[in-house]
Amino acid sequence: MATGILGQAECTQTDEVIYEVPADTFAVVTVTFCNRATSNREIRLAVTDDENNLSTEAWKFLEFNAELLPSGVLERSGIVLDAGKKVTVMANGITVGASVYGIETTTV
């Protein structure tokens, strides 16, 4: 099973899955956002079964339009995910990186 960095992406203005828990596995992860811009950015973080349902299932967001200051970092830790769950991210502008790191453990 994987440990360390499980997924990374440059956030865009659309919801994007940056990590999906493999079958027969659970994961404990931390998600970090870093704003490299000189202006504020708004970020979103969700745990979903399908990132396409976020418009009708907005309750799945862990962060929704959270303000991230220039050179700022937002970190959410201790997120426990079962098989098939997806970490979905978005930012309202470029220059925001997102990383998922943690540990995967088999359930069989």
C-alpha atoms as a PDB file:
ATOM      1  CA  MET A   1       0.000   0.000   0.000  1.00  0.00           C
ATOM      2  CA  ALA A   2       1.104   3.532  -0.725  1.00  0.00           C
ATOM      3  CA  THR A   3       2.392   6.049   1.800  1.00  0.00           C
ATOM      4  CA  GLY A   4       3.574   9.626   1.438  1.00  0.00           C
ATOM      5  CA  ILE A   5       2.273  11.808  -1.385  1.00  0.00           C
ATOM      6  CA  LEU A   6      -0.853  10.209  -2.838  1.00  0.00           C
ATOM      7  CA  GLY A   7      -1.905  12.987  -5.213  1.00  0.00           C
ATOM      8  CA  GLN A   8      -1.029  16.525  -6.282  1.00  0.00           C
ATOM      9  CA  ALA A   9      -2.465  19.064  -8.697  1.00  0.00           C
ATOM     10  CA  GLU A  10      -2.536  22.680  -9.712  1.00  0.00           C
ATOM     11  CA  CYS A  11      -6.095  23.716  -8.870  1.00  0.00           C
ATOM     12  CA  THR A  12      -8.359  24.961 -11.641  1.00  0.00           C
ATOM     13  CA  GLN A  13     -11.731  26.668 -11.656  1.00  0.00           C
ATOM     14  CA  THR A  14     -13.531  23.348 -12.024  1.00  0.00           C
ATOM     15  CA  ASP A  15     -13.859  20.482  -9.573  1.00  0.00           C
ATOM     16  CA  GLU A  16     -11.002  18.036 -10.050  1.00  0.00           C
ATOM     17  CA  VAL A  17     -10.322  14.684  -8.391  1.00  0.00           C
ATOM     18  CA  ILE A  18      -6.707  14.544  -7.215  1.00  0.00           C
ATOM     19  CA  TYR A  19      -6.894  11.268  -5.300  1.00  0.00           C
ATOM     20  CA  GLU A  20      -9.133   8.199  -5.248  1.00  0.00           C
ATOM     21  CA  VAL A  21      -8.879   5.449  -2.637  1.00  0.00           C
ATOM     22  CA  PRO A  22      -8.220   2.087  -4.344  1.00  0.00           C
ATOM     23  CA  ALA A  23     -10.560  -0.896  -3.958  1.00  0.00           C
ATOM     24  CA  ASP A  24     -10.156  -3.027  -0.808  1.00  0.00           C
ATOM     25  CA  THR A  25      -8.330  -0.136   0.888  1.00  0.00           C
ATOM     26  CA  PHE A  26      -8.904   2.681   3.319  1.00  0.00           C
ATOM     27  CA  ALA A  27      -6.736   5.763   3.692  1.00  0.00           C
ATOM     28  CA  VAL A  28      -5.955   8.387   6.311  1.00  0.00           C
ATOM     29  CA  VAL A  29      -4.939  11.587   4.554  1.00  0.00           C
ATOM     30  CA  THR A  30      -4.011  15.224   4.949  1.00  0.00           C
ATOM     31  CA  VAL A  31      -4.910  17.743   2.245  1.00  0.00           C
ATOM     32  CA  THR A  32      -2.866  20.914   1.884  1.00  0.00           C
ATOM     33  CA  PHE A  33      -3.492  23.976  -0.290  1.00  0.00           C
ATOM     34  CA  CYS A  34      -0.771  26.558  -0.988  1.00  0.00           C
ATOM     35  CA  ASN A  35      -1.564  29.934  -2.579  1.00  0.00           C
ATOM     36  CA  ARG A  36       1.441  31.165  -4.571  1.00  0.00           C
ATOM     37  CA  ALA A  37      -0.414  34.232  -5.891  1.00  0.00           C
ATOM     38  CA  THR A  38      -0.104  37.822  -4.699  1.00  0.00           C
ATOM     39  CA  SER A  39      -3.876  38.034  -4.211  1.00  0.00           C
ATOM     40  CA  ASN A  40      -6.466  36.099  -2.216  1.00  0.00           C
ATOM     41  CA  ARG A  41      -7.928  32.894  -3.605  1.00  0.00           C
ATOM     42  CA  GLU A  42     -11.010  30.917  -2.643  1.00  0.00           C
ATOM     43  CA  ILE A  43     -10.634  27.157  -2.415  1.00  0.00           C
ATOM     44  CA  ARG A  44     -12.994  24.205  -2.165  1.00  0.00           C
ATOM     45  CA  LEU A  45     -12.362  20.723  -0.804  1.00  0.00           C
ATOM     46  CA  ALA A  46     -14.844  17.838  -0.954  1.00  0.00           C
ATOM     47  CA  VAL A  47     -14.879  14.109  -0.313  1.00  0.00           C
ATOM     48  CA  THR A  48     -17.139  12.492  -2.884  1.00  0.00           C
ATOM     49  CA  ASP A  49     -18.218   9.262  -4.499  1.00  0.00           C
ATOM     50  CA  ASP A  50     -18.545  11.116  -7.808  1.00  0.00           C
ATOM     51  CA  GLU A  51     -17.216  14.647  -8.352  1.00  0.00           C
ATOM     52  CA  ASN A  52     -20.008  15.327 -10.866  1.00  0.00           C
ATOM     53  CA  ASN A  53     -22.629  15.363  -8.081  1.00  0.00           C
ATOM     54  CA  LEU A  54     -21.236  18.375  -6.206  1.00  0.00           C
ATOM     55  CA  SER A  55     -23.787  20.777  -7.664  1.00  0.00           C
ATOM     56  CA  THR A  56     -26.620  18.768  -6.094  1.00  0.00           C
ATOM     57  CA  GLU A  57     -24.755  17.410  -3.071  1.00  0.00           C
ATOM     58  CA  ALA A  58     -23.020  20.518  -1.769  1.00  0.00           C
ATOM     59  CA  TRP A  59     -23.101  19.109   1.772  1.00  0.00           C
ATOM     60  CA  LYS A  60     -20.077  16.968   0.830  1.00  0.00           C
ATOM     61  CA  PHE A  61     -17.700  19.959   1.018  1.00  0.00           C
ATOM     62  CA  LEU A  62     -15.181  20.127   3.859  1.00  0.00           C
ATOM     63  CA  GLU A  63     -14.193  23.644   2.739  1.00  0.00           C
ATOM     64  CA  PHE A  64     -16.378  25.867   0.551  1.00  0.00           C
ATOM     65  CA  ASN A  65     -14.967  29.129  -0.801  1.00  0.00           C
ATOM     66  CA  ALA A  66     -12.504  29.311   2.087  1.00  0.00           C
ATOM     67  CA  GLU A  67     -10.321  32.389   1.682  1.00  0.00           C
ATOM     68  CA  LEU A  68      -6.632  31.664   1.241  1.00  0.00           C
ATOM     69  CA  LEU A  69      -4.383  34.707   1.661  1.00  0.00           C
ATOM     70  CA  PRO A  70      -1.356  35.389  -0.575  1.00  0.00           C
ATOM     71  CA  SER A  71       1.429  32.914   0.306  1.00  0.00           C
ATOM     72  CA  GLY A  72      -1.090  31.243   2.608  1.00  0.00           C
ATOM     73  CA  VAL A  73      -1.543  27.570   3.413  1.00  0.00           C
ATOM     74  CA  LEU A  74      -4.670  25.680   4.456  1.00  0.00           C
ATOM     75  CA  GLU A  75      -4.322  22.142   5.795  1.00  0.00           C
ATOM     76  CA  ARG A  76      -6.998  19.598   6.708  1.00  0.00           C
ATOM     77  CA  SER A  77      -5.678  16.493   8.462  1.00  0.00           C
ATOM     78  CA  GLY A  78      -7.048  13.250   9.845  1.00  0.00           C
ATOM     79  CA  ILE A  79      -9.439  12.620   6.950  1.00  0.00           C
ATOM     80  CA  VAL A  80     -10.369   8.914   6.933  1.00  0.00           C
ATOM     81  CA  LEU A  81     -11.618   7.599   3.585  1.00  0.00           C
ATOM     82  CA  ASP A  82     -12.988   4.233   2.547  1.00  0.00           C
ATOM     83  CA  ALA A  83     -12.545   2.542  -0.836  1.00  0.00           C
ATOM     84  CA  GLY A  84     -13.772   4.530  -3.809  1.00  0.00           C
ATOM     85  CA  LYS A  85     -13.876   7.914  -2.083  1.00  0.00           C
ATOM     86  CA  LYS A  86     -12.399  10.815  -4.049  1.00  0.00           C
ATOM     87  CA  VAL A  87     -10.662  13.970  -2.837  1.00  0.00           C
ATOM     88  CA  THR A  88     -11.959  16.786  -5.044  1.00  0.00           C
ATOM     89  CA  VAL A  89     -10.436  20.292  -5.124  1.00  0.00           C
ATOM     90  CA  MET A  90     -11.002  23.634  -6.834  1.00  0.00           C
ATOM     91  CA  ALA A  91      -9.743  27.233  -6.634  1.00  0.00           C
ATOM     92  CA  ASN A  92     -11.111  30.429  -8.158  1.00  0.00           C
ATOM     93  CA  GLY A  93      -7.800  31.215  -9.849  1.00  0.00           C
ATOM     94  CA  ILE A  94      -4.516  29.714 -10.865  1.00  0.00           C
ATOM     95  CA  THR A  95      -1.396  29.455  -8.667  1.00  0.00           C
ATOM     96  CA  VAL A  96      -2.975  27.284  -5.974  1.00  0.00           C
ATOM     97  CA  GLY A  97      -1.424  23.861  -5.517  1.00  0.00           C
ATOM     98  CA  ALA A  98      -3.116  21.016  -3.669  1.00  0.00           C
ATOM     99  CA  SER A  99      -1.444  17.931  -2.183  1.00  0.00           C
ATOM    100  CA  VAL A 100      -2.881  14.788  -0.616  1.00  0.00           C
ATOM    101  CA  TYR A 101      -0.532  12.788   1.546  1.00  0.00           C
ATOM    102  CA  GLY A 102      -1.041   9.995   4.005  1.00  0.00           C
ATOM    103  CA  ILE A 103      -1.229   6.227   4.226  1.00  0.00           C
ATOM    104  CA  GLU A 104      -3.304   3.517   2.571  1.00  0.00           C
ATOM    105  CA  THR A 105      -4.129   0.240   4.337  1.00  0.00           C
ATOM    106  CA  THR A 106      -5.699  -2.870   2.888  1.00  0.00           C
ATOM    107  CA  THR A 107      -9.056  -4.050   4.233  1.00  0.00           C
ATOM    108  CA  VAL A 108      -8.643  -7.690   3.155  1.00  0.00           C
END
